[in-house]
N, C-alpha and C. Protein backbone atom coordinates (compact mmCIF):
# COMPACT_ATOMS: atom_id res chain seq x y z
N PHE A 1 0.82 -1.21 0.00
CA PHE A 1 0.00 0.00 0.00
C PHE A 1 0.86 1.26 0.00
N LEU A 2 1.88 1.29 0.84
CA LEU A 2 2.76 2.45 0.90
C LEU A 2 3.60 2.59 -0.36
N PHE A 3 4.09 1.48 -0.87
CA PHE A 3 4.85 1.52 -2.13
C PHE A 3 3.98 2.02 -3.28
N GLY A 4 2.74 1.57 -3.31
CA GLY A 4 1.83 2.04 -4.36
C GLY A 4 1.56 3.53 -4.25
N LEU A 5 1.34 4.03 -3.04
CA LEU A 5 1.12 5.47 -2.86
C LEU A 5 2.35 6.28 -3.28
N GLY A 6 3.54 5.77 -2.92
CA GLY A 6 4.76 6.48 -3.33
C GLY A 6 4.91 6.54 -4.84
N LYS A 7 4.58 5.43 -5.52
CA LYS A 7 4.65 5.43 -6.98
C LYS A 7 3.63 6.37 -7.58
N LEU A 8 2.43 6.44 -7.03
CA LEU A 8 1.41 7.36 -7.53
C LEU A 8 1.85 8.81 -7.37
N VAL A 9 2.45 9.12 -6.23
CA VAL A 9 2.91 10.50 -6.00
C VAL A 9 3.99 10.87 -7.02
N ARG A 10 4.91 9.97 -7.28
CA ARG A 10 5.96 10.24 -8.27
C ARG A 10 5.38 10.44 -9.66
N LEU A 11 4.42 9.61 -10.03
CA LEU A 11 3.81 9.75 -11.36
C LEU A 11 3.01 11.04 -11.48
N LEU A 12 2.29 11.40 -10.41
CA LEU A 12 1.51 12.63 -10.46
C LEU A 12 2.42 13.85 -10.56
N MET A 13 3.54 13.83 -9.87
CA MET A 13 4.48 14.95 -9.96
C MET A 13 5.09 15.04 -11.36
N SER A 14 5.39 13.89 -11.97
CA SER A 14 5.94 13.91 -13.33
C SER A 14 4.91 14.42 -14.33
N TYR A 15 3.65 14.05 -14.16
CA TYR A 15 2.60 14.54 -15.06
C TYR A 15 2.32 16.03 -14.83
N MET A 16 2.52 16.50 -13.62
CA MET A 16 2.39 17.93 -13.38
C MET A 16 3.44 18.71 -14.17
N VAL A 17 4.66 18.18 -14.21
CA VAL A 17 5.71 18.81 -15.01
C VAL A 17 5.37 18.74 -16.49
N GLU A 18 4.81 17.60 -16.94
CA GLU A 18 4.43 17.46 -18.34
C GLU A 18 3.34 18.45 -18.73
N GLU A 19 2.39 18.69 -17.84
CA GLU A 19 1.33 19.66 -18.14
C GLU A 19 1.91 21.06 -18.29
N ARG A 20 2.89 21.41 -17.49
CA ARG A 20 3.53 22.71 -17.63
C ARG A 20 4.28 22.81 -18.95
N GLN A 21 4.92 21.71 -19.35
CA GLN A 21 5.63 21.71 -20.63
C GLN A 21 4.66 21.86 -21.80
N VAL A 22 3.50 21.22 -21.70
CA VAL A 22 2.50 21.33 -22.77
C VAL A 22 1.98 22.76 -22.87
N ALA A 23 1.72 23.39 -21.73
CA ALA A 23 1.24 24.78 -21.74
C ALA A 23 2.29 25.72 -22.31
N ARG A 24 3.55 25.50 -21.97
CA ARG A 24 4.62 26.35 -22.51
C ARG A 24 4.80 26.14 -24.01
N PHE A 25 4.70 24.90 -24.46
CA PHE A 25 4.81 24.62 -25.89
C PHE A 25 3.64 25.23 -26.65
N GLN A 26 2.46 25.18 -26.08
CA GLN A 26 1.29 25.74 -26.75
C GLN A 26 1.43 27.26 -26.92
N LYS A 27 1.93 27.93 -25.92
CA LYS A 27 2.15 29.38 -26.05
C LYS A 27 3.17 29.68 -27.14
N ALA A 28 4.23 28.86 -27.21
CA ALA A 28 5.26 29.10 -28.21
C ALA A 28 4.75 28.84 -29.62
N ILE A 29 3.97 27.79 -29.81
CA ILE A 29 3.52 27.47 -31.16
C ILE A 29 2.38 28.39 -31.59
N GLU A 30 1.58 28.88 -30.64
CA GLU A 30 0.56 29.86 -30.99
C GLU A 30 1.17 31.20 -31.35
N ALA A 31 2.35 31.49 -30.82
CA ALA A 31 3.08 32.70 -31.20
C ALA A 31 3.80 32.54 -32.53
N GLU A 32 3.64 31.36 -33.18
CA GLU A 32 4.22 31.07 -34.49
C GLU A 32 5.74 31.17 -34.48
N GLU A 33 6.35 30.63 -33.43
CA GLU A 33 7.80 30.57 -33.38
C GLU A 33 8.30 29.43 -34.24
N ASP A 34 9.48 29.59 -34.81
CA ASP A 34 10.02 28.58 -35.72
C ASP A 34 10.40 27.29 -35.00
N GLU A 35 10.92 27.39 -33.81
CA GLU A 35 11.36 26.22 -33.05
C GLU A 35 10.67 26.22 -31.69
N PRO A 36 9.38 25.87 -31.63
CA PRO A 36 8.69 25.88 -30.33
C PRO A 36 9.18 24.82 -29.37
N ASP A 37 9.82 23.76 -29.89
CA ASP A 37 10.31 22.71 -29.00
C ASP A 37 11.51 23.17 -28.18
N HIS A 38 12.14 24.26 -28.57
CA HIS A 38 13.26 24.77 -27.79
C HIS A 38 12.81 25.43 -26.48
N LYS A 39 11.51 25.69 -26.36
CA LYS A 39 10.99 26.30 -25.14
C LYS A 39 10.71 25.27 -24.05
N VAL A 40 10.77 23.99 -24.39
CA VAL A 40 10.46 22.94 -23.42
C VAL A 40 11.63 21.98 -23.35
N SER A 41 11.54 21.07 -22.41
CA SER A 41 12.60 20.08 -22.24
C SER A 41 12.58 19.06 -23.38
N GLU A 42 13.76 18.61 -23.78
CA GLU A 42 13.86 17.64 -24.86
C GLU A 42 13.26 16.28 -24.49
N LYS A 43 13.21 15.98 -23.18
CA LYS A 43 12.69 14.69 -22.74
C LYS A 43 11.18 14.71 -22.50
N SER A 44 10.54 15.85 -22.65
CA SER A 44 9.11 15.93 -22.42
C SER A 44 8.35 15.21 -23.52
N ILE A 45 7.12 14.83 -23.22
CA ILE A 45 6.31 14.08 -24.18
C ILE A 45 5.99 14.93 -25.40
N ILE A 46 5.64 16.19 -25.20
CA ILE A 46 5.25 17.04 -26.32
C ILE A 46 6.44 17.33 -27.22
N ALA A 47 7.64 17.47 -26.64
CA ALA A 47 8.83 17.70 -27.46
C ALA A 47 9.16 16.47 -28.30
N ARG A 48 9.04 15.28 -27.70
CA ARG A 48 9.30 14.06 -28.47
C ARG A 48 8.26 13.87 -29.57
N ARG A 49 7.00 14.25 -29.29
CA ARG A 49 5.98 14.16 -30.32
C ARG A 49 6.28 15.11 -31.48
N TYR A 50 6.70 16.32 -31.16
CA TYR A 50 7.01 17.30 -32.20
C TYR A 50 8.20 16.86 -33.05
N GLN A 51 9.23 16.35 -32.39
CA GLN A 51 10.41 15.88 -33.11
C GLN A 51 10.08 14.69 -34.00
N MET A 52 9.21 13.80 -33.53
CA MET A 52 8.84 12.63 -34.32
C MET A 52 8.08 13.04 -35.58
N ILE A 53 7.12 13.97 -35.44
CA ILE A 53 6.35 14.41 -36.60
C ILE A 53 7.25 15.15 -37.59
N ARG A 54 8.14 15.96 -37.09
CA ARG A 54 9.04 16.69 -37.98
C ARG A 54 10.00 15.73 -38.68
N SER A 55 10.46 14.69 -38.00
CA SER A 55 11.34 13.70 -38.63
C SER A 55 10.59 12.93 -39.72
N LEU A 56 9.33 12.55 -39.46
CA LEU A 56 8.55 11.85 -40.48
C LEU A 56 8.30 12.74 -41.69
N ASP A 57 8.05 14.02 -41.45
CA ASP A 57 7.83 14.94 -42.57
C ASP A 57 9.10 15.12 -43.38
N ALA A 58 10.25 15.18 -42.71
CA ALA A 58 11.51 15.32 -43.44
C ALA A 58 11.81 14.11 -44.32
N LYS A 59 11.34 12.93 -43.89
CA LYS A 59 11.54 11.71 -44.67
C LYS A 59 10.47 11.51 -45.74
N GLY A 60 9.49 12.40 -45.78
CA GLY A 60 8.43 12.28 -46.76
C GLY A 60 7.41 11.21 -46.44
N VAL A 61 7.28 10.87 -45.16
CA VAL A 61 6.34 9.83 -44.73
C VAL A 61 5.07 10.49 -44.20
N ALA A 62 3.92 9.96 -44.58
CA ALA A 62 2.65 10.49 -44.08
C ALA A 62 2.52 10.22 -42.59
N VAL A 63 2.04 11.20 -41.86
CA VAL A 63 1.92 11.09 -40.41
C VAL A 63 0.59 10.42 -40.08
N ASN A 64 0.66 9.31 -39.34
CA ASN A 64 -0.54 8.60 -38.88
C ASN A 64 -0.80 9.01 -37.43
N HIS A 65 -1.76 9.90 -37.26
CA HIS A 65 -2.02 10.42 -35.92
C HIS A 65 -2.53 9.33 -34.98
N SER A 66 -3.34 8.43 -35.49
CA SER A 66 -3.87 7.35 -34.64
C SER A 66 -2.75 6.45 -34.11
N ALA A 67 -1.78 6.17 -34.96
CA ALA A 67 -0.65 5.33 -34.53
C ALA A 67 0.18 6.05 -33.47
N LEU A 68 0.38 7.35 -33.63
CA LEU A 68 1.13 8.10 -32.62
C LEU A 68 0.40 8.11 -31.29
N ALA A 69 -0.91 8.30 -31.32
CA ALA A 69 -1.68 8.31 -30.07
C ALA A 69 -1.65 6.94 -29.39
N ALA A 70 -1.78 5.86 -30.17
CA ALA A 70 -1.73 4.52 -29.59
C ALA A 70 -0.35 4.21 -29.00
N THR A 71 0.70 4.69 -29.66
CA THR A 71 2.05 4.47 -29.15
C THR A 71 2.26 5.20 -27.83
N LEU A 72 1.74 6.42 -27.73
CA LEU A 72 1.87 7.18 -26.49
C LEU A 72 1.15 6.48 -25.34
N VAL A 73 -0.06 6.01 -25.60
CA VAL A 73 -0.82 5.31 -24.55
C VAL A 73 -0.10 4.04 -24.12
N ALA A 74 0.46 3.31 -25.08
CA ALA A 74 1.17 2.07 -24.75
C ALA A 74 2.42 2.34 -23.92
N ASP A 75 3.15 3.39 -24.28
CA ASP A 75 4.37 3.70 -23.53
C ASP A 75 4.05 4.12 -22.10
N GLU A 76 3.03 4.95 -21.94
CA GLU A 76 2.71 5.44 -20.60
C GLU A 76 2.01 4.39 -19.75
N SER A 77 1.35 3.43 -20.38
CA SER A 77 0.69 2.38 -19.60
C SER A 77 1.70 1.50 -18.89
N THR A 78 2.90 1.38 -19.42
CA THR A 78 3.93 0.59 -18.75
C THR A 78 4.38 1.25 -17.45
N ARG A 79 4.29 2.58 -17.38
CA ARG A 79 4.67 3.28 -16.15
C ARG A 79 3.65 3.08 -15.03
N SER A 80 2.40 2.83 -15.40
CA SER A 80 1.34 2.68 -14.40
C SER A 80 1.01 1.23 -14.11
N SER A 81 1.85 0.31 -14.55
CA SER A 81 1.56 -1.12 -14.32
C SER A 81 1.68 -1.48 -12.84
N PHE A 82 2.68 -0.91 -12.14
CA PHE A 82 2.84 -1.23 -10.72
C PHE A 82 1.68 -0.69 -9.88
N PRO A 83 1.28 0.59 -10.04
CA PRO A 83 0.09 1.05 -9.30
C PRO A 83 -1.17 0.25 -9.63
N ARG A 84 -1.31 -0.18 -10.87
CA ARG A 84 -2.48 -0.99 -11.23
C ARG A 84 -2.42 -2.35 -10.53
N PHE A 85 -1.21 -2.93 -10.43
CA PHE A 85 -1.06 -4.21 -9.73
C PHE A 85 -1.41 -4.06 -8.25
N ILE A 86 -0.96 -2.97 -7.63
CA ILE A 86 -1.29 -2.74 -6.22
C ILE A 86 -2.79 -2.58 -6.05
N ASN A 87 -3.42 -1.83 -6.94
CA ASN A 87 -4.86 -1.61 -6.84
C ASN A 87 -5.64 -2.91 -6.96
N ASN A 88 -5.17 -3.82 -7.79
CA ASN A 88 -5.88 -5.09 -7.98
C ASN A 88 -5.57 -6.11 -6.90
N SER A 89 -4.48 -5.96 -6.18
CA SER A 89 -4.06 -6.99 -5.24
C SER A 89 -4.34 -6.63 -3.78
N LEU A 90 -4.79 -5.40 -3.50
CA LEU A 90 -5.03 -5.03 -2.11
C LEU A 90 -6.10 -5.91 -1.47
N ILE A 91 -7.23 -6.06 -2.15
CA ILE A 91 -8.31 -6.88 -1.61
C ILE A 91 -7.86 -8.34 -1.48
N LEU A 92 -7.10 -8.82 -2.46
CA LEU A 92 -6.63 -10.21 -2.40
C LEU A 92 -5.69 -10.43 -1.22
N MET A 93 -4.85 -9.44 -0.93
CA MET A 93 -3.96 -9.56 0.22
C MET A 93 -4.75 -9.56 1.51
N GLY A 94 -5.83 -8.76 1.57
CA GLY A 94 -6.69 -8.79 2.75
C GLY A 94 -7.37 -10.14 2.93
N VAL A 95 -7.83 -10.72 1.83
CA VAL A 95 -8.45 -12.04 1.89
C VAL A 95 -7.42 -13.09 2.33
N PHE A 96 -6.19 -12.97 1.82
CA PHE A 96 -5.14 -13.91 2.22
C PHE A 96 -4.88 -13.82 3.72
N GLY A 97 -4.79 -12.58 4.24
CA GLY A 97 -4.58 -12.42 5.68
C GLY A 97 -5.73 -12.98 6.49
N THR A 98 -6.95 -12.79 5.98
CA THR A 98 -8.12 -13.33 6.68
C THR A 98 -8.09 -14.86 6.72
N ILE A 99 -7.76 -15.47 5.57
CA ILE A 99 -7.71 -16.93 5.51
C ILE A 99 -6.61 -17.47 6.43
N ALA A 100 -5.44 -16.81 6.42
CA ALA A 100 -4.35 -17.27 7.29
C ALA A 100 -4.74 -17.15 8.76
N SER A 101 -5.41 -16.06 9.12
CA SER A 101 -5.82 -15.87 10.52
C SER A 101 -6.89 -16.88 10.92
N LEU A 102 -7.83 -17.12 10.00
CA LEU A 102 -8.84 -18.13 10.31
C LEU A 102 -8.23 -19.52 10.44
N SER A 103 -7.19 -19.81 9.67
CA SER A 103 -6.51 -21.10 9.80
C SER A 103 -5.90 -21.25 11.18
N ILE A 104 -5.29 -20.16 11.68
CA ILE A 104 -4.72 -20.21 13.03
C ILE A 104 -5.81 -20.44 14.07
N ALA A 105 -6.96 -19.74 13.85
CA ALA A 105 -8.07 -19.92 14.80
C ALA A 105 -8.61 -21.34 14.75
N LEU A 106 -8.67 -21.91 13.56
CA LEU A 106 -9.17 -23.29 13.44
C LEU A 106 -8.23 -24.29 14.11
N VAL A 107 -6.93 -24.03 14.03
CA VAL A 107 -5.98 -24.92 14.72
C VAL A 107 -6.22 -24.90 16.22
N GLY A 108 -6.40 -23.70 16.78
CA GLY A 108 -6.70 -23.61 18.21
C GLY A 108 -8.02 -24.24 18.56
N ALA A 109 -9.03 -24.06 17.67
CA ALA A 109 -10.34 -24.66 17.96
C ALA A 109 -10.27 -26.18 17.89
N SER A 110 -9.49 -26.73 16.96
CA SER A 110 -9.36 -28.19 16.87
C SER A 110 -8.68 -28.75 18.11
N ASP A 111 -7.70 -28.02 18.65
CA ASP A 111 -7.05 -28.48 19.87
C ASP A 111 -8.03 -28.47 21.04
N LEU A 112 -8.91 -27.44 21.06
CA LEU A 112 -9.91 -27.40 22.14
C LEU A 112 -10.89 -28.56 22.01
N LEU A 113 -11.34 -28.83 20.78
CA LEU A 113 -12.27 -29.93 20.57
C LEU A 113 -11.62 -31.28 20.83
N GLY A 114 -10.30 -31.34 20.67
CA GLY A 114 -9.60 -32.60 20.92
C GLY A 114 -9.38 -32.89 22.39
N GLY A 115 -9.83 -32.05 23.27
CA GLY A 115 -9.71 -32.29 24.70
C GLY A 115 -8.55 -31.58 25.32
N GLU A 116 -7.72 -30.96 24.50
CA GLU A 116 -6.56 -30.25 25.06
C GLU A 116 -6.98 -28.82 25.37
N SER A 117 -7.81 -28.65 26.36
CA SER A 117 -8.30 -27.33 26.74
C SER A 117 -7.24 -26.62 27.56
N SER A 118 -6.83 -25.51 27.08
CA SER A 118 -5.83 -24.71 27.78
C SER A 118 -6.04 -23.26 27.41
N GLY A 119 -5.45 -22.40 28.22
CA GLY A 119 -5.57 -20.97 27.93
C GLY A 119 -4.87 -20.58 26.65
N GLY A 120 -3.81 -21.32 26.28
CA GLY A 120 -3.09 -21.00 25.06
C GLY A 120 -3.92 -21.25 23.83
N ASN A 121 -4.65 -22.35 23.82
CA ASN A 121 -5.49 -22.65 22.65
C ASN A 121 -6.62 -21.64 22.52
N MET A 122 -7.24 -21.27 23.64
CA MET A 122 -8.30 -20.26 23.58
C MET A 122 -7.74 -18.92 23.12
N ALA A 123 -6.56 -18.60 23.58
CA ALA A 123 -5.94 -17.35 23.14
C ALA A 123 -5.63 -17.39 21.65
N MET A 124 -5.23 -18.58 21.16
CA MET A 124 -4.96 -18.72 19.73
C MET A 124 -6.22 -18.51 18.90
N VAL A 125 -7.35 -19.03 19.39
CA VAL A 125 -8.61 -18.84 18.67
C VAL A 125 -9.01 -17.37 18.65
N ILE A 126 -8.92 -16.73 19.81
CA ILE A 126 -9.29 -15.32 19.88
C ILE A 126 -8.35 -14.47 19.04
N HIS A 127 -7.06 -14.80 19.09
CA HIS A 127 -6.09 -14.04 18.30
C HIS A 127 -6.34 -14.22 16.80
N GLY A 128 -6.66 -15.44 16.37
CA GLY A 128 -6.93 -15.67 14.96
C GLY A 128 -8.16 -14.93 14.47
N MET A 129 -9.22 -14.94 15.28
CA MET A 129 -10.44 -14.25 14.88
C MET A 129 -10.23 -12.73 14.83
N SER A 130 -9.54 -12.20 15.82
CA SER A 130 -9.30 -10.75 15.83
C SER A 130 -8.39 -10.34 14.67
N THR A 131 -7.39 -11.18 14.38
CA THR A 131 -6.50 -10.87 13.26
C THR A 131 -7.24 -10.93 11.93
N ALA A 132 -8.14 -11.91 11.78
CA ALA A 132 -8.93 -11.99 10.56
C ALA A 132 -9.79 -10.75 10.37
N LEU A 133 -10.41 -10.29 11.45
CA LEU A 133 -11.23 -9.07 11.36
C LEU A 133 -10.38 -7.85 11.03
N SER A 134 -9.22 -7.73 11.67
CA SER A 134 -8.37 -6.55 11.45
C SER A 134 -7.79 -6.53 10.03
N THR A 135 -7.39 -7.70 9.52
CA THR A 135 -6.85 -7.73 8.15
C THR A 135 -7.93 -7.39 7.13
N THR A 136 -9.15 -7.86 7.36
CA THR A 136 -10.24 -7.54 6.43
C THR A 136 -10.54 -6.05 6.44
N MET A 137 -10.66 -5.46 7.62
CA MET A 137 -10.95 -4.03 7.70
C MET A 137 -9.81 -3.20 7.13
N THR A 138 -8.57 -3.62 7.41
CA THR A 138 -7.42 -2.87 6.88
C THR A 138 -7.38 -2.92 5.36
N ALA A 139 -7.67 -4.09 4.79
CA ALA A 139 -7.66 -4.22 3.33
C ALA A 139 -8.75 -3.34 2.70
N ILE A 140 -9.93 -3.32 3.32
CA ILE A 140 -11.03 -2.51 2.77
C ILE A 140 -10.69 -1.02 2.82
N LEU A 141 -10.18 -0.57 3.97
CA LEU A 141 -9.84 0.85 4.10
C LEU A 141 -8.70 1.25 3.15
N CYS A 142 -7.67 0.39 3.06
CA CYS A 142 -6.55 0.69 2.15
C CYS A 142 -7.02 0.71 0.70
N TYR A 143 -7.91 -0.22 0.35
CA TYR A 143 -8.40 -0.27 -1.03
C TYR A 143 -9.21 0.97 -1.37
N LEU A 144 -10.07 1.41 -0.46
CA LEU A 144 -10.87 2.61 -0.72
C LEU A 144 -9.98 3.84 -0.84
N PHE A 145 -9.03 3.99 0.06
CA PHE A 145 -8.15 5.16 0.02
C PHE A 145 -7.27 5.14 -1.22
N TYR A 146 -6.66 4.00 -1.50
CA TYR A 146 -5.77 3.90 -2.66
C TYR A 146 -6.56 3.97 -3.97
N GLY A 147 -7.74 3.35 -3.99
CA GLY A 147 -8.55 3.36 -5.21
C GLY A 147 -8.97 4.75 -5.62
N TYR A 148 -9.26 5.62 -4.65
CA TYR A 148 -9.65 7.00 -4.98
C TYR A 148 -8.51 7.73 -5.68
N PHE A 149 -7.31 7.63 -5.13
CA PHE A 149 -6.17 8.32 -5.74
C PHE A 149 -5.76 7.65 -7.06
N TYR A 150 -5.99 6.36 -7.18
CA TYR A 150 -5.68 5.69 -8.45
C TYR A 150 -6.63 6.16 -9.56
N ILE A 151 -7.90 6.36 -9.22
CA ILE A 151 -8.85 6.89 -10.20
C ILE A 151 -8.47 8.32 -10.60
N LYS A 152 -8.08 9.12 -9.63
CA LYS A 152 -7.66 10.49 -9.94
C LYS A 152 -6.39 10.50 -10.79
N PHE A 153 -5.51 9.54 -10.55
CA PHE A 153 -4.32 9.44 -11.40
C PHE A 153 -4.70 9.12 -12.84
N ASN A 154 -5.65 8.22 -13.03
CA ASN A 154 -6.12 7.92 -14.39
C ASN A 154 -6.76 9.14 -15.05
N ASP A 155 -7.47 9.95 -14.25
CA ASP A 155 -8.07 11.18 -14.80
C ASP A 155 -6.99 12.15 -15.26
N VAL A 156 -5.95 12.30 -14.45
CA VAL A 156 -4.85 13.20 -14.82
C VAL A 156 -4.15 12.71 -16.08
N GLN A 157 -3.92 11.42 -16.15
CA GLN A 157 -3.27 10.84 -17.32
C GLN A 157 -4.12 11.03 -18.58
N THR A 158 -5.41 10.80 -18.47
CA THR A 158 -6.30 10.98 -19.62
C THR A 158 -6.36 12.44 -20.06
N ARG A 159 -6.41 13.36 -19.11
CA ARG A 159 -6.45 14.79 -19.46
C ARG A 159 -5.16 15.22 -20.14
N LEU A 160 -4.03 14.70 -19.68
CA LEU A 160 -2.75 15.04 -20.32
C LEU A 160 -2.70 14.51 -21.74
N PHE A 161 -3.13 13.28 -21.94
CA PHE A 161 -3.12 12.70 -23.29
C PHE A 161 -4.05 13.47 -24.23
N SER A 162 -5.22 13.85 -23.73
CA SER A 162 -6.16 14.59 -24.58
C SER A 162 -5.62 15.96 -24.96
N SER A 163 -4.94 16.63 -24.04
CA SER A 163 -4.37 17.94 -24.38
C SER A 163 -3.24 17.80 -25.39
N ILE A 164 -2.44 16.74 -25.28
CA ILE A 164 -1.36 16.52 -26.25
C ILE A 164 -1.94 16.22 -27.63
N GLU A 165 -2.97 15.37 -27.69
CA GLU A 165 -3.56 15.03 -28.99
C GLU A 165 -4.27 16.23 -29.60
N GLN A 166 -4.92 17.04 -28.78
CA GLN A 166 -5.57 18.24 -29.29
C GLN A 166 -4.55 19.23 -29.83
N LEU A 167 -3.45 19.40 -29.12
CA LEU A 167 -2.39 20.29 -29.58
C LEU A 167 -1.76 19.76 -30.87
N THR A 168 -1.62 18.46 -30.96
CA THR A 168 -1.07 17.86 -32.19
C THR A 168 -1.99 18.09 -33.37
N THR A 169 -3.30 17.91 -33.15
CA THR A 169 -4.25 18.06 -34.25
C THR A 169 -4.38 19.50 -34.72
N MET A 170 -4.40 20.43 -33.78
CA MET A 170 -4.69 21.82 -34.13
C MET A 170 -3.46 22.62 -34.57
N HIS A 171 -2.28 22.27 -34.09
CA HIS A 171 -1.12 23.12 -34.33
C HIS A 171 0.05 22.41 -35.00
N ILE A 172 0.34 21.17 -34.61
CA ILE A 172 1.54 20.51 -35.13
C ILE A 172 1.28 19.90 -36.50
N LEU A 173 0.19 19.15 -36.63
CA LEU A 173 -0.08 18.49 -37.91
C LEU A 173 -0.29 19.47 -39.06
N PRO A 174 -0.97 20.61 -38.87
CA PRO A 174 -1.08 21.56 -40.00
C PRO A 174 0.26 22.08 -40.50
N ARG A 175 1.28 22.02 -39.67
CA ARG A 175 2.61 22.49 -40.10
C ARG A 175 3.33 21.45 -40.96
N TYR A 176 3.17 20.18 -40.64
CA TYR A 176 4.00 19.16 -41.27
C TYR A 176 3.21 18.06 -41.95
N SER A 177 1.97 17.83 -41.58
CA SER A 177 1.25 16.70 -42.12
C SER A 177 0.91 16.92 -43.58
N ARG A 178 1.05 15.87 -44.37
CA ARG A 178 0.71 15.90 -45.79
C ARG A 178 -0.20 14.71 -46.10
N SER A 179 -1.39 15.01 -46.62
CA SER A 179 -2.32 13.97 -47.02
C SER A 179 -2.98 14.37 -48.32
N ALA A 180 -3.90 13.55 -48.79
CA ALA A 180 -4.57 13.86 -50.05
C ALA A 180 -5.39 15.15 -49.93
N ASP A 181 -6.05 15.34 -48.80
CA ASP A 181 -6.86 16.55 -48.63
C ASP A 181 -5.99 17.80 -48.56
N THR A 182 -4.89 17.71 -47.79
CA THR A 182 -4.03 18.89 -47.68
C THR A 182 -3.35 19.20 -49.00
N LEU A 183 -2.96 18.16 -49.75
CA LEU A 183 -2.35 18.40 -51.06
C LEU A 183 -3.35 19.03 -52.02
N ALA A 184 -4.61 18.60 -51.98
CA ALA A 184 -5.63 19.20 -52.83
C ALA A 184 -5.83 20.67 -52.47
N ASP A 185 -5.82 20.98 -51.19
CA ASP A 185 -5.96 22.38 -50.77
C ASP A 185 -4.76 23.20 -51.23
N ASP A 186 -3.56 22.62 -51.13
CA ASP A 186 -2.36 23.34 -51.59
C ASP A 186 -2.41 23.59 -53.10
N VAL A 187 -2.85 22.58 -53.85
CA VAL A 187 -2.96 22.76 -55.31
C VAL A 187 -4.00 23.81 -55.65
N ALA A 188 -5.12 23.82 -54.94
CA ALA A 188 -6.14 24.83 -55.19
C ALA A 188 -5.62 26.23 -54.89
N GLY A 189 -4.87 26.35 -53.79
CA GLY A 189 -4.27 27.65 -53.49
C GLY A 189 -3.26 28.07 -54.53
N LEU A 190 -2.49 27.10 -55.02
CA LEU A 190 -1.50 27.41 -56.05
C LEU A 190 -2.17 27.84 -57.35
N VAL A 191 -3.25 27.18 -57.72
CA VAL A 191 -3.98 27.57 -58.94
C VAL A 191 -4.55 28.97 -58.80
N GLY A 192 -5.08 29.28 -57.60
CA GLY A 192 -5.59 30.63 -57.39
C GLY A 192 -4.49 31.68 -57.50
N SER A 193 -3.31 31.38 -56.98
CA SER A 193 -2.19 32.32 -57.09
C SER A 193 -1.75 32.49 -58.54
N LEU A 194 -1.77 31.39 -59.30
CA LEU A 194 -1.40 31.48 -60.71
C LEU A 194 -2.41 32.32 -61.50
N GLU A 195 -3.69 32.19 -61.17
CA GLU A 195 -4.70 33.00 -61.85
C GLU A 195 -4.48 34.49 -61.57
N LYS A 196 -4.18 34.82 -60.32
CA LYS A 196 -3.91 36.22 -59.99
C LYS A 196 -2.67 36.72 -60.71
N THR A 197 -1.65 35.88 -60.80
CA THR A 197 -0.42 36.28 -61.49
C THR A 197 -0.67 36.49 -62.97
N ALA A 198 -1.46 35.56 -63.58
CA ALA A 198 -1.77 35.73 -65.00
C ALA A 198 -2.56 37.00 -65.25
N PHE A 199 -3.49 37.33 -64.38
CA PHE A 199 -4.27 38.56 -64.53
C PHE A 199 -3.37 39.80 -64.43
N LEU A 200 -2.43 39.77 -63.48
CA LEU A 200 -1.50 40.89 -63.36
C LEU A 200 -0.60 41.00 -64.59
N MET A 201 -0.19 39.86 -65.14
CA MET A 201 0.65 39.89 -66.34
C MET A 201 -0.12 40.44 -67.54
N GLN A 202 -1.42 40.11 -67.64
CA GLN A 202 -2.23 40.67 -68.72
C GLN A 202 -2.35 42.19 -68.58
N ASN A 203 -2.56 42.66 -67.37
CA ASN A 203 -2.64 44.11 -67.15
C ASN A 203 -1.31 44.78 -67.50
N MET A 204 -0.21 44.17 -67.09
CA MET A 204 1.10 44.75 -67.41
C MET A 204 1.34 44.74 -68.92
N GLN A 205 0.89 43.68 -69.59
CA GLN A 205 1.06 43.63 -71.04
C GLN A 205 0.26 44.74 -71.73
N GLY A 206 -0.96 45.00 -71.27
CA GLY A 206 -1.74 46.09 -71.83
C GLY A 206 -1.09 47.44 -71.60
N GLU A 207 -0.53 47.62 -70.39
CA GLU A 207 0.15 48.88 -70.11
C GLU A 207 1.39 49.04 -70.98
N MET A 208 2.12 47.92 -71.18
CA MET A 208 3.31 48.00 -72.03
C MET A 208 2.93 48.32 -73.48
N LEU A 209 1.80 47.77 -73.99
CA LEU A 209 1.34 48.08 -75.35
C LEU A 209 0.97 49.54 -75.50
N SER A 210 0.28 50.06 -74.46
CA SER A 210 -0.09 51.50 -74.54
C SER A 210 1.15 52.36 -74.46
N ALA A 211 2.13 51.97 -73.68
CA ALA A 211 3.36 52.75 -73.59
C ALA A 211 4.12 52.69 -74.91
N THR A 212 4.10 51.54 -75.57
CA THR A 212 4.77 51.40 -76.87
C THR A 212 4.11 52.31 -77.91
N ARG A 213 2.80 52.38 -77.93
CA ARG A 213 2.09 53.25 -78.85
C ARG A 213 2.46 54.72 -78.64
N GLU A 214 2.53 55.09 -77.35
CA GLU A 214 2.89 56.49 -77.04
C GLU A 214 4.30 56.79 -77.51
N LEU A 215 5.22 55.81 -77.31
CA LEU A 215 6.60 56.03 -77.78
C LEU A 215 6.64 56.16 -79.30
N ARG A 216 5.86 55.38 -80.00
CA ARG A 216 5.83 55.48 -81.47
C ARG A 216 5.30 56.83 -81.92
N SER A 217 4.26 57.31 -81.24
CA SER A 217 3.72 58.62 -81.60
C SER A 217 4.75 59.72 -81.31
N VAL A 218 5.49 59.59 -80.24
CA VAL A 218 6.52 60.59 -79.94
C VAL A 218 7.61 60.55 -80.99
């Protein structure tokens, strides 16, 4: 129980630092800075995500956002495996203590039934029953207390992942992602620019013709 709480505290503190890094990166990228990852730590999750997308874009590989999100969840789930094990085993440990205590009580009760009545056997029965009750109550209280903080840890982890994916979708992918839709939009913008350029060239050609006529008349 104590080891699990210590691990949860460490993970919550690390996610608190990650949330600050995400907020700092968001301010930098919204300010349209060229290197927003320089504002955060290189080991942060958002910096590694940005570097990965930029590396894929440099190699000409299409960015699969779903694969990146699944990879992030898989990597972070390995960090929470120990707290999850503690959360699942607290009740089982309480049941184990209860069974062991009841076994001790049954040994004392069997000695009493066998005719060996003594104060030691009665004390063994009472001790086993009291230990079984205490282990059960301790397991229930520890499970309730630990389970609450474990649920809150999952909420913090989910909120961090959602903020990273939202930042990736709204700010990072438009910078580097290339797909059929984005290429079609780029081509449409290029065609519009070419039409404007052709119109300007036609106007300039007309002005040059009028200027040529004036020079001939002069």
